[in-house]
Every structure is written in structure tokens, then in C-alpha cells.
Amino acid sequence: MKKKDVQIGHVYAAKVSGRVVPVRLIRESQYGGGWIATNTKTNRDVLIKTAARLRYKIKHEEMKP
């Protein structure tokens, strides 16, 4: 994925700790490039440093358990 395609507030599949999980982007990182996101499986905050960690945007229907 490219940085220009990323939107704050949307849910994306991202590689976190070796697994692909859904994350919701909250805001841009105050430490420079990247975004602060919440892992929707664990409700923990994660730092997404590059858009390469994001795989694809998740639709609302895919989020249902």
C-alpha cells in the first residue's frame, strides 16, 4: 500500500508481530512518519511506521465476528 492511499479512521489489515490483524488508524505519529493504530483484536496501540505494513482496507462487513 502507498502512503497517499492511507486514510485516518479506517480499518486496515496490517502485519503486527508476524501476524496479519485488523488495525484502526487513529492519528499520525508525533515522532515523524507513520501512524498510531489500535489492534482491534487486542485493543492495544501499535505504531505503523510505513505504509508497507498495511495490506488492504477492510470493509465493515468483514469486521463482524
C-alpha atoms as a PDB file:
ATOM      1  CA  MET A   1       0.000   0.000   0.000  1.00  0.00           C
ATOM      2  CA  LYS A   2       1.167   3.563  -0.611  1.00  0.00           C
ATOM      3  CA  LYS A   3       1.186   6.432   1.869  1.00  0.00           C
ATOM      4  CA  LYS A   4      -1.100   8.550  -0.317  1.00  0.00           C
ATOM      5  CA  ASP A   5      -3.799   5.822  -0.168  1.00  0.00           C
ATOM      6  CA  VAL A   6      -3.891   5.642   3.665  1.00  0.00           C
ATOM      7  CA  GLN A   7      -6.739   7.412   5.491  1.00  0.00           C
ATOM      8  CA  ILE A   8      -7.035   8.066   9.239  1.00  0.00           C
ATOM      9  CA  GLY A   9     -10.050   6.397  10.890  1.00  0.00           C
ATOM     10  CA  HIS A  10     -10.260   3.455   8.501  1.00  0.00           C
ATOM     11  CA  VAL A  11      -9.540  -0.192   9.321  1.00  0.00           C
ATOM     12  CA  TYR A  12      -6.690  -1.953   7.516  1.00  0.00           C
ATOM     13  CA  ALA A  13      -5.125  -5.391   7.624  1.00  0.00           C
ATOM     14  CA  ALA A  14      -1.600  -4.873   8.943  1.00  0.00           C
ATOM     15  CA  LYS A  15       1.297  -7.130   9.814  1.00  0.00           C
ATOM     16  CA  VAL A  16       1.846  -6.889  13.577  1.00  0.00           C
ATOM     17  CA  SER A  17       4.232  -9.251  15.373  1.00  0.00           C
ATOM     18  CA  GLY A  18       4.348 -11.623  12.429  1.00  0.00           C
ATOM     19  CA  ARG A  19       0.563 -11.875  12.024  1.00  0.00           C
ATOM     20  CA  VAL A  20      -1.861 -10.002   9.805  1.00  0.00           C
ATOM     21  CA  VAL A  21      -4.532  -8.407  12.025  1.00  0.00           C
ATOM     22  CA  PRO A  22      -7.113  -5.627  11.605  1.00  0.00           C
ATOM     23  CA  VAL A  23      -5.988  -2.237  12.923  1.00  0.00           C
ATOM     24  CA  ARG A  24      -7.838   1.096  13.054  1.00  0.00           C
ATOM     25  CA  LEU A  25      -5.668   4.135  12.305  1.00  0.00           C
ATOM     26  CA  ILE A  26      -6.153   6.784  14.989  1.00  0.00           C
ATOM     27  CA  ARG A  27      -3.727   9.572  14.118  1.00  0.00           C
ATOM     28  CA  GLU A  28      -0.366  10.356  12.591  1.00  0.00           C
ATOM     29  CA  SER A  29       2.637   9.655  14.781  1.00  0.00           C
ATOM     30  CA  GLN A  30       4.142  12.608  16.616  1.00  0.00           C
ATOM     31  CA  TYR A  31       7.605  11.048  16.241  1.00  0.00           C
ATOM     32  CA  GLY A  32       7.819  11.505  12.500  1.00  0.00           C
ATOM     33  CA  GLY A  33       6.446   9.320   9.734  1.00  0.00           C
ATOM     34  CA  GLY A  34       3.865   6.657  10.374  1.00  0.00           C
ATOM     35  CA  TRP A  35       0.595   6.291  12.251  1.00  0.00           C
ATOM     36  CA  ILE A  36      -0.686   5.294  15.673  1.00  0.00           C
ATOM     37  CA  ALA A  37      -3.239   2.499  15.297  1.00  0.00           C
ATOM     38  CA  THR A  38      -5.296   0.248  17.559  1.00  0.00           C
ATOM     39  CA  ASN A  39      -5.164  -3.509  17.107  1.00  0.00           C
ATOM     40  CA  THR A  40      -8.877  -4.416  17.021  1.00  0.00           C
ATOM     41  CA  LYS A  41      -8.211  -7.958  18.319  1.00  0.00           C
ATOM     42  CA  THR A  42      -6.319  -6.890  21.473  1.00  0.00           C
ATOM     43  CA  ASN A  43      -7.278  -3.175  21.795  1.00  0.00           C
ATOM     44  CA  ARG A  44      -3.591  -2.268  22.141  1.00  0.00           C
ATOM     45  CA  ASP A  45      -1.974   0.670  20.392  1.00  0.00           C
ATOM     46  CA  VAL A  46       0.664  -0.095  17.766  1.00  0.00           C
ATOM     47  CA  LEU A  47       2.964   2.103  15.710  1.00  0.00           C
ATOM     48  CA  ILE A  48       2.715   1.584  11.970  1.00  0.00           C
ATOM     49  CA  LYS A  49       5.967   3.084  10.704  1.00  0.00           C
ATOM     50  CA  THR A  50       5.436   2.626   6.971  1.00  0.00           C
ATOM     51  CA  ALA A  51       2.540   2.042   4.608  1.00  0.00           C
ATOM     52  CA  ALA A  52       4.228  -1.214   3.548  1.00  0.00           C
ATOM     53  CA  ARG A  53       2.953  -2.847   6.777  1.00  0.00           C
ATOM     54  CA  LEU A  54      -0.626  -2.171   5.669  1.00  0.00           C
ATOM     55  CA  ARG A  55      -2.043  -4.840   3.342  1.00  0.00           C
ATOM     56  CA  TYR A  56      -5.548  -3.701   2.331  1.00  0.00           C
ATOM     57  CA  LYS A  57      -8.549  -1.742   3.618  1.00  0.00           C
ATOM     58  CA  ILE A  58     -11.099  -3.872   5.475  1.00  0.00           C
ATOM     59  CA  LYS A  59     -14.765  -3.346   4.704  1.00  0.00           C
ATOM     60  CA  HIS A  60     -17.283  -3.044   7.539  1.00  0.00           C
ATOM     61  CA  GLU A  61     -18.862  -6.438   6.734  1.00  0.00           C
ATOM     62  CA  GLU A  62     -15.516  -8.229   7.206  1.00  0.00           C
ATOM     63  CA  MET A  63     -15.190  -6.923  10.792  1.00  0.00           C
ATOM     64  CA  LYS A  64     -18.151  -8.940  12.123  1.00  0.00           C
ATOM     65  CA  PRO A  65     -17.089 -11.968  14.224  1.00  0.00           C
END
